[in-house]
Amino acid sequence: MGPTRKPNVCIRLSLRALGFFARDAGVGQRMNLGILRALVCQESTKFKNVWTTHSKSPIAYERGRIYFDNYRCCISSVASEPRKLYEMPKCSKSEKIEDALLWECPVGDVFTSPSDYESSLIALTANNWLLRISATTGKILEKIYLASYCKFRYLSWDTPQEVIAVKSAQNKGSAVARQAGVQQPVLLYLAVFQVLPFSLVGILEINKRIFGNITDATLSHGILIVMYGSGLVRLYSFQAITEQFMQQKLDLGCACRWGGTTGTVGEAPFGIPCNIKITDSPPLLFEVSSLENAFQIGGHPWHYIITPNKKKQKGVFHICALKDNSLAKNGIQEMECCSLESDWIYFHPDASGRIIHVGPNQVKVLKLSEIENNSSQHQISEDFVIWANRENTNENLLTVTASGRVVKKSFNLLDDDPEQETFKIVDYEDELDLLSVVAVTQIDAEGKAHLDFHCNEYGTLLKSIPLVESWDVTYSHEVYFDRDLVLHIEQKPNRVFSCYVYQMNTVCSYARRSTPLLPESWMNRWQPGQPVPHLTMDGFQISPALSLLISLLSSYISDRRQRSVSTRTCF
């Protein structure tokens, strides 16, 4: 297990006040997050339900902001009690926001407009407008009309915070055409933009005449991913497709003549023409067959995870090297469990190259490493396991026959039986480096859930937070842990959405400490009755209590440095 020594928050705060680490880029921020992590995980810290609300429309959460009414109303969750940031004017059904992404200004970039340095919400409306909205005021900063020849519906990051992909709904054709057996060759469109300043990369047409009988396509990290009903997944380079098949370079806001029509690119009613049409099979990068098109890439070096394309193989995961498709040693992962809901697996989002495998009663964190004396091959080994808190599931029933003979009958419960603690959600808080795990137990008629924080390095349980609201396992749930905030969104029948907000409430417990903050030898440097030193910082006089603490701490650090120098050995 991990180290047991806990960081001293008081010392960290005092070091920060003294200006330590001020000249080291990023160290101050890491120090602050280390302090926050210690406060979050300490025993006296409680998370209190400060706000609960209900809505008839979906509720979304992004970076301290809660969105209601199709992103029209924004609530800040940072304050002691959530407060309204803005509410946009009511709009018609055709103008409502259907999907959105939060964009945050990159550090170091220079922009022409002051508004470009603010966080923005990139939103897609039902009538094909792409909007950039101030995340603070709700003011529309930019708007782009996409097109009238298709219905755009989904937003996603191709490259996070840099390139977005706007995906259209699939073209099913008219009912008359379907009855006549006429198939539409174009399945969907992908519009790709670089953000801030908004610039058009192009709109790509996904055509069945080129790719065959495909069922879906998407764009991620510069890779065009095409999926087939047979389970086949194919990967192509989007950059290579753009260079080879772009018909004309288009710039937003510039006049353009296309198909006999003249207009301004990105303005209604002209919109943006489809300027990337593939006329021949593009170079294939990679292909693999997987059950339900499930396919993930990650790890160091690159590996991928698939499920063999057979129904009886569901719940079996193969981890293979991307360079040669070779199966890693111990690369077949199958969790021995009997449950109604299947387990799931994914690459750890902390970029460590590890893998998280989640089942109803255990969370396995697996690591990918080189085989000793064979650097070309890799193996999968267990890093740590988080177990659900359960009793023995083997139940014995005693029955008595008509002759008086006692018969003992045993049976096993399902691994996701509601009466046993079951893992439902596993997430990662990257700033505090904590794994958050939601565990649910059905007690009588209602379920009770708690959110556990585990050390991301060792898996040690650091904190458990009970959720006060009941948890119905038949409902859809989302749980977000963001620094000192826990947010639970629940979707009930008849499109009723509920939002529960918890905030950290720290109780000072230093009065009950059995050990002093500093060693006794340093506390003896000042005795009651002696004058307390007065210090100033930036021209302001510091309170006597803080002056005393800083003096003691400075003396302590100075002595530690002298000891370090005196005990240093030269080789």
Protein backbone atom coordinates (compact mmCIF):
# COMPACT_ATOMS: atom_id res chain seq x y z
CA MET A 1 0.00 0.00 0.00
CA GLY A 2 0.97 3.66 -0.24
CA PRO A 3 2.70 5.87 2.28
CA THR A 4 0.78 6.54 5.48
CA ARG A 5 2.26 9.95 6.32
CA LYS A 6 -0.31 12.69 5.74
CA PRO A 7 0.72 16.12 4.41
CA ASN A 8 0.54 18.98 6.91
CA VAL A 9 -1.78 21.61 5.44
CA CYS A 10 -0.69 24.29 7.92
CA ILE A 11 2.96 23.97 6.93
CA ARG A 12 2.07 24.04 3.23
CA LEU A 13 0.03 27.22 3.67
CA SER A 14 2.82 28.86 5.63
CA LEU A 15 5.40 27.95 2.98
CA ARG A 16 3.17 29.48 0.35
CA ALA A 17 2.74 32.67 2.42
CA LEU A 18 6.51 32.93 2.76
CA GLY A 19 6.88 32.92 -1.03
CA PHE A 20 8.34 29.47 -1.47
CA PHE A 21 8.00 28.06 -5.03
CA ALA A 22 6.83 31.45 -6.36
CA ARG A 23 9.45 31.41 -9.11
CA ASP A 24 8.84 27.83 -10.21
CA ALA A 25 6.32 27.57 -13.04
CA GLY A 26 3.37 25.39 -12.11
CA VAL A 27 4.70 24.43 -8.67
CA GLY A 28 2.47 26.94 -6.89
CA GLN A 29 -0.62 25.52 -8.59
CA ARG A 30 0.39 21.98 -7.71
CA MET A 31 1.00 23.07 -4.12
CA ASN A 32 -2.48 24.61 -3.96
CA LEU A 33 -4.08 21.45 -5.35
CA GLY A 34 -2.07 19.36 -2.87
CA ILE A 35 -3.48 21.48 -0.04
CA LEU A 36 -7.00 21.08 -1.41
CA ARG A 37 -6.58 17.31 -1.75
CA ALA A 38 -5.44 17.07 1.89
CA LEU A 39 -8.46 19.11 3.00
CA VAL A 40 -10.88 17.04 0.90
CA CYS A 41 -9.59 13.74 2.29
CA GLN A 42 -9.15 14.65 5.95
CA GLU A 43 -11.45 12.95 8.42
CA SER A 44 -13.15 16.12 9.70
CA THR A 45 -14.19 17.29 6.22
CA LYS A 46 -17.85 16.78 5.35
CA PHE A 47 -19.70 17.23 2.08
CA LYS A 48 -23.05 18.92 2.61
CA ASN A 49 -26.03 18.87 0.27
CA VAL A 50 -26.43 22.63 -0.29
CA TRP A 51 -28.85 22.68 -3.23
CA THR A 52 -31.42 20.47 -4.93
CA THR A 53 -33.49 21.29 -7.98
CA HIS A 54 -35.68 19.56 -10.57
CA SER A 55 -36.24 20.21 -14.26
CA LYS A 56 -38.32 18.98 -17.20
CA SER A 57 -35.36 19.41 -19.57
CA PRO A 58 -31.92 17.77 -19.45
CA ILE A 59 -29.34 19.13 -16.98
CA ALA A 60 -25.67 19.43 -17.99
CA TYR A 61 -22.52 20.22 -16.00
CA GLU A 62 -19.22 21.70 -17.22
CA ARG A 63 -16.40 23.09 -15.06
CA GLY A 64 -18.36 24.62 -12.21
CA ARG A 65 -21.37 25.57 -14.33
CA ILE A 66 -24.77 23.85 -14.34
CA TYR A 67 -26.89 24.29 -17.47
CA PHE A 68 -30.69 24.08 -17.61
CA ASP A 69 -33.36 24.48 -20.29
CA ASN A 70 -31.16 23.39 -23.21
CA TYR A 71 -28.20 25.52 -22.06
CA ARG A 72 -30.37 28.68 -21.90
CA CYS A 73 -29.92 29.11 -18.14
CA CYS A 74 -26.50 28.86 -16.45
CA ILE A 75 -25.96 28.40 -12.70
CA SER A 76 -22.57 28.80 -11.02
CA SER A 77 -21.82 26.06 -8.51
CA VAL A 78 -18.64 27.69 -7.20
CA ALA A 79 -20.29 29.96 -4.60
CA SER A 80 -21.38 28.73 -1.15
CA GLU A 81 -24.83 28.26 -2.67
CA PRO A 82 -25.39 27.95 -6.45
CA ARG A 83 -26.36 31.26 -8.05
CA LYS A 84 -27.58 32.24 -11.51
CA LEU A 85 -24.87 33.53 -13.86
CA TYR A 86 -27.17 34.36 -16.76
CA GLU A 87 -30.37 33.40 -18.53
CA MET A 88 -30.63 33.82 -22.28
CA PRO A 89 -33.90 35.09 -23.84
CA LYS A 90 -36.55 32.51 -24.62
CA CYS A 91 -36.41 31.15 -28.14
CA SER A 92 -38.46 29.01 -30.50
CA LYS A 93 -38.06 25.25 -30.74
CA SER A 94 -36.07 25.60 -33.97
CA GLU A 95 -33.54 27.88 -32.23
CA LYS A 96 -32.92 25.78 -29.12
CA ILE A 97 -29.41 24.53 -28.35
CA GLU A 98 -29.06 20.79 -28.99
CA ASP A 99 -25.42 20.22 -28.03
CA ALA A 100 -22.56 22.27 -26.60
CA LEU A 101 -18.87 22.17 -25.63
CA LEU A 102 -16.98 24.38 -23.16
CA TRP A 103 -13.90 26.06 -24.62
CA GLU A 104 -11.27 27.58 -22.34
CA CYS A 105 -8.62 30.04 -23.50
CA PRO A 106 -5.16 28.45 -23.87
CA VAL A 107 -2.34 30.00 -21.86
CA GLY A 108 0.20 31.98 -23.90
CA ASP A 109 -1.90 32.65 -27.02
CA VAL A 110 -2.46 36.25 -28.14
CA PHE A 111 -5.88 37.29 -29.46
CA THR A 112 -7.19 40.49 -31.00
CA SER A 113 -10.40 40.77 -28.97
CA PRO A 114 -10.57 40.91 -25.14
CA SER A 115 -13.62 38.60 -25.23
CA ASP A 116 -11.45 35.88 -26.75
CA TYR A 117 -9.68 35.46 -23.41
CA GLU A 118 -12.93 34.43 -21.69
CA SER A 119 -14.25 30.88 -21.49
CA SER A 120 -16.84 30.24 -24.20
CA LEU A 121 -19.64 27.80 -24.81
CA ILE A 122 -19.61 26.48 -28.37
CA ALA A 123 -23.25 25.60 -29.08
CA LEU A 124 -25.14 23.94 -31.94
CA THR A 125 -28.76 24.99 -32.49
CA ALA A 126 -31.59 22.99 -34.01
CA ASN A 127 -31.61 25.22 -37.11
CA ASN A 128 -27.92 24.55 -37.93
CA TRP A 129 -26.30 27.64 -36.36
CA LEU A 130 -22.95 27.23 -34.60
CA LEU A 131 -22.65 29.82 -31.81
CA ARG A 132 -19.85 30.99 -29.55
CA ILE A 133 -21.40 32.21 -26.30
CA SER A 134 -19.66 33.91 -23.38
CA ALA A 135 -19.62 31.40 -20.51
CA THR A 136 -19.91 34.29 -18.03
CA THR A 137 -22.61 36.54 -19.49
CA GLY A 138 -24.45 34.41 -22.06
CA LYS A 139 -23.77 36.99 -24.79
CA ILE A 140 -23.44 35.60 -28.33
CA LEU A 141 -19.91 36.46 -29.51
CA GLU A 142 -19.88 34.70 -32.90
CA LYS A 143 -22.36 32.81 -35.07
CA ILE A 144 -21.87 30.65 -38.14
CA TYR A 145 -24.60 29.21 -40.34
CA LEU A 146 -23.61 25.67 -41.32
CA ALA A 147 -25.82 24.46 -44.17
CA SER A 148 -29.33 23.69 -45.36
CA TYR A 149 -28.61 20.39 -47.15
CA CYS A 150 -28.41 18.32 -43.91
CA LYS A 151 -29.33 18.43 -40.22
CA PHE A 152 -26.32 18.83 -37.93
CA ARG A 153 -26.89 17.37 -34.49
CA TYR A 154 -23.71 16.44 -32.55
CA LEU A 155 -20.62 18.29 -31.31
CA SER A 156 -17.36 16.65 -30.25
CA TRP A 157 -13.69 17.51 -29.86
CA ASP A 158 -11.43 16.16 -32.57
CA THR A 159 -8.42 17.62 -30.75
CA PRO A 160 -9.46 18.80 -27.24
CA GLN A 161 -9.71 22.61 -26.98
CA GLU A 162 -8.34 23.03 -30.53
CA VAL A 163 -10.45 21.35 -33.23
CA ILE A 164 -14.18 20.54 -33.15
CA ALA A 165 -16.20 18.17 -35.30
CA VAL A 166 -19.87 18.84 -36.02
CA LYS A 167 -21.66 15.67 -37.06
CA SER A 168 -24.94 15.52 -38.97
CA ALA A 169 -27.81 13.14 -38.42
CA GLN A 170 -27.72 10.09 -40.67
CA ASN A 171 -29.46 10.49 -44.01
CA LYS A 172 -32.25 7.91 -44.10
CA GLY A 173 -33.90 9.24 -47.24
CA SER A 174 -37.61 9.81 -47.73
CA ALA A 175 -40.22 7.17 -46.89
CA VAL A 176 -41.16 6.88 -50.58
CA ALA A 177 -37.53 6.27 -51.56
CA ARG A 178 -37.11 3.63 -48.85
CA GLN A 179 -40.27 1.82 -49.98
CA ALA A 180 -38.97 1.84 -53.55
CA GLY A 181 -35.67 0.38 -52.36
CA VAL A 182 -33.66 3.46 -53.27
CA GLN A 183 -30.72 3.95 -50.92
CA GLN A 184 -29.12 7.31 -50.23
CA PRO A 185 -25.40 7.14 -51.03
CA VAL A 186 -24.45 9.85 -48.52
CA LEU A 187 -24.70 8.60 -44.92
CA LEU A 188 -23.69 11.79 -43.06
CA TYR A 189 -21.52 14.92 -43.07
CA LEU A 190 -18.70 16.03 -40.77
CA ALA A 191 -17.93 19.75 -40.45
CA VAL A 192 -14.50 20.46 -38.95
CA PHE A 193 -13.39 23.80 -37.44
CA GLN A 194 -10.38 25.16 -35.64
CA VAL A 195 -11.51 27.24 -32.69
CA LEU A 196 -10.60 30.79 -31.71
CA PRO A 197 -10.33 32.33 -34.01
CA PHE A 198 -12.94 30.22 -35.76
CA SER A 199 -11.58 28.92 -39.05
CA LEU A 200 -13.04 26.30 -41.35
CA VAL A 201 -11.09 23.16 -42.16
CA GLY A 202 -13.87 21.74 -44.33
CA ILE A 203 -17.06 19.71 -44.54
CA LEU A 204 -16.50 16.03 -45.35
CA GLU A 205 -19.06 13.83 -47.08
CA ILE A 206 -19.24 10.18 -45.91
CA ASN A 207 -20.40 8.23 -48.97
CA LYS A 208 -21.39 4.55 -49.05
CA ARG A 209 -20.19 4.26 -52.64
CA ILE A 210 -16.64 4.77 -51.37
CA PHE A 211 -16.70 3.08 -47.95
CA GLY A 212 -19.30 0.36 -48.58
CA ASN A 213 -22.24 -0.50 -46.34
CA ILE A 214 -21.12 1.52 -43.32
CA THR A 215 -23.29 2.20 -40.26
CA ASP A 216 -21.50 5.18 -38.67
CA ALA A 217 -18.42 7.40 -38.81
CA THR A 218 -16.72 9.84 -36.47
CA LEU A 219 -13.56 11.91 -36.13
CA SER A 220 -11.07 11.72 -33.24
CA HIS A 221 -7.50 13.05 -32.92
CA GLY A 222 -7.15 13.53 -36.66
CA ILE A 223 -8.37 9.99 -37.43
CA LEU A 224 -11.52 9.23 -39.43
CA ILE A 225 -13.12 6.16 -37.84
CA VAL A 226 -15.56 4.23 -40.02
CA MET A 227 -17.77 1.45 -38.60
CA TYR A 228 -19.64 -1.41 -40.25
CA GLY A 229 -22.56 -3.58 -39.16
CA SER A 230 -20.34 -6.65 -39.25
CA GLY A 231 -18.21 -5.23 -36.42
CA LEU A 232 -15.40 -4.06 -38.70
CA VAL A 233 -13.67 -0.78 -37.75
CA ARG A 234 -11.43 1.08 -40.23
CA LEU A 235 -9.13 4.05 -39.58
CA TYR A 236 -8.07 6.72 -42.09
CA SER A 237 -5.96 9.87 -41.85
CA PHE A 238 -8.21 12.93 -42.03
CA GLN A 239 -5.27 15.14 -43.01
CA ALA A 240 -4.42 12.88 -45.96
CA ILE A 241 -8.08 12.90 -47.05
CA THR A 242 -8.20 16.70 -46.82
CA GLU A 243 -5.02 17.17 -48.86
CA GLN A 244 -6.14 14.73 -51.55
CA PHE A 245 -9.86 15.38 -51.92
CA MET A 246 -10.54 19.02 -50.95
CA GLN A 247 -12.23 20.63 -53.95
CA GLN A 248 -11.82 24.25 -52.86
CA LYS A 249 -10.41 26.05 -49.82
CA LEU A 250 -13.16 28.08 -48.11
CA ASP A 251 -12.77 30.94 -45.60
CA LEU A 252 -15.50 32.06 -43.21
CA GLY A 253 -16.92 35.48 -44.03
CA CYS A 254 -15.54 35.51 -47.59
CA ALA A 255 -17.56 35.61 -50.80
CA CYS A 256 -17.80 32.30 -52.64
CA ARG A 257 -19.32 30.98 -55.85
CA TRP A 258 -20.45 27.36 -55.62
CA GLY A 259 -22.71 25.41 -57.97
CA GLY A 260 -23.89 28.53 -59.75
CA THR A 261 -24.79 30.31 -56.50
CA THR A 262 -22.88 33.17 -54.91
CA GLY A 263 -22.89 33.93 -51.20
CA THR A 264 -20.84 34.53 -48.07
CA VAL A 265 -19.35 31.46 -46.39
CA GLY A 266 -20.92 30.91 -42.95
CA GLU A 267 -23.84 33.29 -43.42
CA ALA A 268 -27.49 32.39 -44.08
CA PRO A 269 -28.85 31.25 -46.42
CA PHE A 270 -25.64 30.29 -48.26
CA GLY A 271 -23.96 28.47 -45.38
CA ILE A 272 -20.90 26.31 -46.02
CA PRO A 273 -20.72 24.06 -49.12
CA CYS A 274 -19.43 20.50 -48.78
CA ASN A 275 -15.90 20.99 -50.09
CA ILE A 276 -14.33 17.58 -49.27
CA LYS A 277 -15.77 14.78 -51.42
CA ILE A 278 -13.89 11.50 -51.55
CA THR A 279 -13.85 10.09 -55.09
CA ASP A 280 -11.58 7.10 -54.51
CA SER A 281 -10.66 4.80 -51.64
CA PRO A 282 -8.29 6.71 -49.31
CA PRO A 283 -5.18 5.01 -47.86
CA LEU A 284 -6.16 2.65 -45.03
CA LEU A 285 -4.23 3.07 -41.77
CA PHE A 286 -5.64 0.22 -39.71
CA GLU A 287 -8.60 -2.14 -39.48
CA VAL A 288 -9.89 -4.56 -36.85
CA SER A 289 -13.07 -6.51 -36.16
CA SER A 290 -14.73 -6.16 -32.76
CA LEU A 291 -18.07 -6.96 -31.17
CA GLU A 292 -20.44 -3.98 -31.41
CA ASN A 293 -17.59 -1.91 -32.96
CA ALA A 294 -16.04 -1.48 -29.48
CA PHE A 295 -12.51 -0.24 -30.06
CA GLN A 296 -10.10 1.83 -27.91
CA ILE A 297 -6.51 2.99 -28.38
CA GLY A 298 -4.12 4.01 -25.57
CA GLY A 299 -1.17 2.93 -23.46
CA HIS A 300 2.60 3.37 -23.83
CA PRO A 301 3.51 2.20 -26.43
CA TRP A 302 0.21 2.21 -28.35
CA HIS A 303 -2.11 -0.71 -27.69
CA TYR A 304 -5.78 -1.27 -28.42
CA ILE A 305 -8.63 -3.06 -26.64
CA ILE A 306 -11.32 -5.05 -28.46
CA THR A 307 -13.86 -7.77 -27.77
CA PRO A 308 -13.69 -10.74 -30.21
CA ASN A 309 -16.52 -10.44 -32.73
CA LYS A 310 -18.68 -13.27 -31.34
CA LYS A 311 -21.67 -12.86 -29.02
CA LYS A 312 -20.46 -15.58 -26.67
CA GLN A 313 -17.26 -13.56 -26.21
CA LYS A 314 -19.06 -10.60 -24.64
CA GLY A 315 -17.19 -9.60 -21.48
CA VAL A 316 -13.86 -10.88 -22.84
CA PHE A 317 -11.33 -8.19 -23.71
CA HIS A 318 -8.17 -8.55 -25.79
CA ILE A 319 -5.30 -6.06 -25.33
CA CYS A 320 -3.05 -6.01 -28.41
CA ALA A 321 -0.10 -3.99 -29.73
CA LEU A 322 -1.09 -1.51 -32.41
CA LYS A 323 2.14 -1.91 -34.39
CA ASP A 324 1.78 -5.64 -35.16
CA ASN A 325 -1.58 -6.77 -33.65
CA SER A 326 0.26 -9.11 -31.26
CA LEU A 327 -1.59 -10.05 -28.09
CA ALA A 328 0.10 -8.81 -24.91
CA LYS A 329 1.11 -11.39 -22.33
CA ASN A 330 -1.89 -11.85 -20.00
CA GLY A 331 -3.68 -9.66 -22.54
CA ILE A 332 -6.98 -11.57 -22.36
CA GLN A 333 -8.94 -9.99 -19.52
CA GLU A 334 -12.15 -11.63 -18.35
CA MET A 335 -13.76 -10.80 -15.03
CA GLU A 336 -15.28 -13.84 -13.35
CA CYS A 337 -18.67 -12.47 -12.48
CA CYS A 338 -22.31 -13.41 -13.01
CA SER A 339 -24.38 -10.26 -13.43
CA LEU A 340 -27.16 -8.71 -15.47
CA GLU A 341 -24.98 -5.75 -16.46
CA SER A 342 -21.69 -6.44 -18.18
CA ASP A 343 -18.34 -5.16 -16.93
CA TRP A 344 -16.46 -2.46 -18.81
CA ILE A 345 -12.85 -1.55 -19.53
CA TYR A 346 -10.97 1.55 -20.70
CA PHE A 347 -7.56 3.19 -20.71
CA HIS A 348 -6.90 5.26 -17.61
CA PRO A 349 -7.50 8.98 -18.35
CA ASP A 350 -4.44 10.02 -16.29
CA ALA A 351 -2.18 9.28 -19.32
CA SER A 352 -0.20 6.75 -17.29
CA GLY A 353 -0.86 4.03 -19.85
CA ARG A 354 -2.73 1.95 -17.26
CA ILE A 355 -6.10 0.26 -17.82
CA ILE A 356 -9.21 0.33 -15.61
CA HIS A 357 -11.46 -2.76 -15.61
CA VAL A 358 -14.72 -2.30 -13.70
CA GLY A 359 -17.04 -5.07 -12.55
CA PRO A 360 -19.99 -5.13 -10.15
CA ASN A 361 -17.84 -5.89 -7.08
CA GLN A 362 -14.28 -4.92 -8.05
CA VAL A 363 -12.27 -2.26 -9.83
CA LYS A 364 -9.01 -3.54 -11.30
CA VAL A 365 -6.25 -1.14 -12.27
CA LEU A 366 -3.89 -2.90 -14.68
CA LYS A 367 -0.48 -1.74 -15.84
CA LEU A 368 1.23 -2.29 -19.17
CA SER A 369 4.96 -2.98 -18.97
CA GLU A 370 7.80 -4.47 -20.96
CA ILE A 371 8.67 -8.13 -20.53
CA GLU A 372 12.08 -8.54 -18.92
CA ASN A 373 14.81 -9.25 -21.47
CA ASN A 374 12.32 -8.68 -24.31
CA SER A 375 11.54 -5.00 -24.87
CA SER A 376 9.52 -5.71 -28.03
CA GLN A 377 6.80 -7.53 -26.08
CA HIS A 378 4.60 -6.23 -23.28
CA GLN A 379 2.61 -7.77 -20.49
CA ILE A 380 -0.47 -6.91 -18.46
CA SER A 381 -0.17 -7.12 -14.69
CA GLU A 382 -2.32 -6.09 -11.75
CA ASP A 383 -1.45 -2.74 -10.17
CA PHE A 384 -4.15 -2.80 -7.46
CA VAL A 385 -7.77 -3.85 -6.92
CA ILE A 386 -10.60 -2.02 -5.16
CA TRP A 387 -13.16 -4.42 -3.67
CA ALA A 388 -16.77 -3.77 -2.75
CA ASN A 389 -17.65 -4.09 0.92
CA ARG A 390 -19.59 -7.36 0.90
CA GLU A 391 -20.39 -10.29 3.10
CA ASN A 392 -20.20 -13.90 1.96
CA THR A 393 -22.68 -14.29 -0.90
CA ASN A 394 -23.07 -18.03 -0.48
CA GLU A 395 -26.44 -18.55 1.19
CA ASN A 396 -27.53 -21.81 2.78
CA LEU A 397 -31.18 -22.77 2.98
CA LEU A 398 -32.36 -25.49 5.36
CA THR A 399 -35.50 -27.39 4.37
CA VAL A 400 -37.16 -30.32 6.12
CA THR A 401 -38.71 -33.10 4.04
CA ALA A 402 -41.93 -34.96 4.93
CA SER A 403 -39.85 -37.74 6.47
CA GLY A 404 -38.10 -35.27 8.73
CA ARG A 405 -34.80 -35.26 6.87
CA VAL A 406 -32.94 -31.91 6.88
CA VAL A 407 -31.70 -30.84 3.43
CA LYS A 408 -29.15 -28.07 3.02
CA LYS A 409 -29.37 -26.22 -0.30
CA SER A 410 -26.86 -23.60 -1.38
CA PHE A 411 -27.06 -20.98 -4.13
CA ASN A 412 -25.13 -17.93 -5.25
CA LEU A 413 -26.56 -14.44 -5.65
CA LEU A 414 -25.85 -12.42 -8.78
CA ASP A 415 -22.73 -10.30 -8.49
CA ASP A 416 -24.82 -7.18 -9.12
CA ASP A 417 -27.67 -8.16 -6.83
CA PRO A 418 -29.24 -4.89 -5.53
CA GLU A 419 -28.93 -6.00 -1.90
CA GLN A 420 -25.14 -6.14 -2.20
CA GLU A 421 -22.80 -3.19 -2.56
CA THR A 422 -22.26 -2.72 -6.29
CA PHE A 423 -20.00 -0.34 -8.20
CA LYS A 424 -21.93 1.85 -10.66
CA ILE A 425 -19.62 4.70 -11.67
CA VAL A 426 -15.83 5.06 -11.70
CA ASP A 427 -14.23 8.39 -12.63
CA TYR A 428 -10.92 10.23 -12.26
CA GLU A 429 -10.37 13.72 -10.81
CA ASP A 430 -7.24 14.82 -12.64
CA GLU A 431 -6.43 17.93 -10.59
CA LEU A 432 -6.53 16.13 -7.22
CA ASP A 433 -5.27 12.82 -8.65
CA LEU A 434 -8.10 10.81 -7.07
CA LEU A 435 -10.24 7.93 -8.29
CA SER A 436 -13.91 8.44 -7.45
CA VAL A 437 -16.11 5.34 -7.15
CA VAL A 438 -19.88 5.30 -6.66
CA ALA A 439 -21.12 2.23 -4.74
CA VAL A 440 -24.84 1.46 -4.30
CA THR A 441 -26.68 -0.86 -1.92
CA GLN A 442 -30.42 -1.56 -1.96
CA ILE A 443 -31.79 -1.25 1.59
CA ASP A 444 -35.45 -2.29 1.92
CA ALA A 445 -37.34 -0.36 -0.77
CA GLU A 446 -34.72 2.27 -1.61
CA GLY A 447 -31.09 2.31 -2.62
CA LYS A 448 -28.34 4.14 -0.78
CA ALA A 449 -25.17 5.33 -2.48
CA HIS A 450 -21.82 6.63 -1.32
CA LEU A 451 -18.95 8.21 -3.21
CA ASP A 452 -15.49 6.92 -2.30
CA PHE A 453 -12.18 8.66 -3.03
CA HIS A 454 -9.20 6.37 -3.63
CA CYS A 455 -5.53 7.18 -4.06
CA ASN A 456 -4.85 6.97 -7.79
CA GLU A 457 -1.35 5.57 -7.23
CA TYR A 458 -2.04 2.85 -4.68
CA GLY A 459 -5.84 2.44 -4.55
CA THR A 460 -6.04 3.25 -0.83
CA LEU A 461 -9.46 4.40 0.39
CA LEU A 462 -9.04 8.01 1.57
CA LYS A 463 -12.58 9.31 2.00
CA SER A 464 -16.20 8.14 1.78
CA ILE A 465 -19.13 10.53 1.26
CA PRO A 466 -22.73 9.32 1.75
CA LEU A 467 -25.30 10.69 -0.70
CA VAL A 468 -28.46 11.67 1.16
CA GLU A 469 -30.88 11.11 -1.72
CA SER A 470 -32.15 7.63 -2.55
CA TRP A 471 -30.64 5.88 -5.58
CA ASP A 472 -32.91 3.92 -7.91
CA VAL A 473 -30.80 1.55 -9.98
CA THR A 474 -33.38 1.63 -12.81
CA TYR A 475 -32.82 5.38 -13.37
CA SER A 476 -30.02 7.00 -15.33
CA HIS A 477 -27.36 8.67 -13.14
CA GLU A 478 -24.34 10.94 -13.59
CA VAL A 479 -21.98 11.87 -10.75
CA TYR A 480 -19.31 14.58 -11.08
CA PHE A 481 -16.49 15.18 -8.60
CA ASP A 482 -14.78 18.50 -9.36
CA ARG A 483 -12.28 19.75 -6.76
CA ASP A 484 -14.45 20.58 -3.72
CA LEU A 485 -17.79 19.89 -5.44
CA VAL A 486 -19.87 16.74 -5.89
CA LEU A 487 -22.83 16.89 -8.25
CA HIS A 488 -25.41 14.14 -8.88
CA ILE A 489 -27.75 14.33 -11.89
CA GLU A 490 -30.60 11.83 -12.04
CA GLN A 491 -33.07 11.17 -14.85
CA LYS A 492 -36.42 9.83 -13.68
CA PRO A 493 -39.34 8.54 -15.78
CA ASN A 494 -41.41 11.04 -17.81
CA ARG A 495 -38.31 13.18 -18.44
CA VAL A 496 -37.94 14.49 -14.91
CA PHE A 497 -34.37 15.50 -14.13
CA SER A 498 -33.02 16.11 -10.63
CA CYS A 499 -29.77 17.80 -9.59
CA TYR A 500 -28.15 17.43 -6.15
CA VAL A 501 -25.17 19.67 -5.29
CA TYR A 502 -22.73 18.88 -2.47
CA GLN A 503 -19.98 21.21 -1.31
CA MET A 504 -17.03 20.69 0.98
CA ASN A 505 -17.50 21.83 4.56
CA THR A 506 -14.28 21.74 6.56
CA VAL A 507 -14.39 21.49 10.36
CA CYS A 508 -11.21 22.66 12.13
CA SER A 509 -9.95 19.94 14.43
CA TYR A 510 -6.59 21.31 15.53
CA ALA A 511 -7.94 21.92 19.03
CA ARG A 512 -8.36 18.15 19.38
CA ARG A 513 -4.88 17.26 18.08
CA SER A 514 -2.83 14.95 20.25
CA THR A 515 0.42 16.00 18.55
CA PRO A 516 1.65 19.56 17.95
CA LEU A 517 1.90 21.06 14.49
CA LEU A 518 5.66 21.64 15.03
CA PRO A 519 8.22 19.66 17.07
CA GLU A 520 8.31 20.48 20.78
CA SER A 521 11.91 21.71 20.57
CA TRP A 522 10.78 24.47 18.23
CA MET A 523 7.76 25.38 20.31
CA ASN A 524 10.14 25.92 23.25
CA ARG A 525 11.79 28.77 21.33
CA TRP A 526 8.93 30.97 22.52
CA GLN A 527 7.45 30.77 25.97
CA PRO A 528 4.38 32.50 27.42
CA GLY A 529 5.31 35.94 28.75
CA GLN A 530 7.88 36.59 26.02
CA PRO A 531 7.07 39.30 23.46
CA VAL A 532 5.64 38.01 20.18
CA PRO A 533 7.68 39.13 17.15
CA HIS A 534 5.90 41.54 14.79
CA LEU A 535 6.42 40.96 11.08
CA THR A 536 5.35 42.98 8.04
CA MET A 537 4.71 41.73 4.52
CA ASP A 538 4.19 44.08 1.53
CA GLY A 539 3.82 46.98 3.94
CA PHE A 540 1.09 45.40 6.04
CA GLN A 541 1.59 44.29 9.62
CA ILE A 542 0.87 40.59 10.18
CA SER A 543 -1.17 39.48 13.16
CA PRO A 544 0.86 38.34 16.21
CA ALA A 545 -0.43 34.75 15.91
CA LEU A 546 0.61 34.42 12.29
CA SER A 547 3.91 36.21 13.02
CA LEU A 548 4.65 33.63 15.70
CA LEU A 549 3.80 30.75 13.36
CA ILE A 550 5.99 32.12 10.57
CA SER A 551 8.89 32.74 12.95
CA LEU A 552 8.72 29.21 14.34
CA LEU A 553 8.38 27.73 10.89
CA SER A 554 11.27 29.75 9.46
CA SER A 555 13.47 28.66 12.37
CA TYR A 556 12.40 25.04 11.82
CA ILE A 557 13.19 25.18 8.08
CA SER A 558 16.54 26.88 8.71
CA ASP A 559 17.55 24.17 11.16
CA ARG A 560 16.49 21.43 8.73
CA ARG A 561 18.65 23.01 6.02
CA GLN A 562 21.66 23.16 8.38
CA ARG A 563 21.17 19.51 9.27
CA SER A 564 20.93 18.62 5.60
CA VAL A 565 24.20 20.42 4.85
CA SER A 566 26.03 18.92 7.83
CA THR A 567 25.00 15.37 7.00
CA ARG A 568 25.62 15.60 3.26
CA THR A 569 28.21 13.10 1.98
CA CYS A 570 30.33 13.72 -1.09
CA PHE A 571 31.14 10.84 -3.45
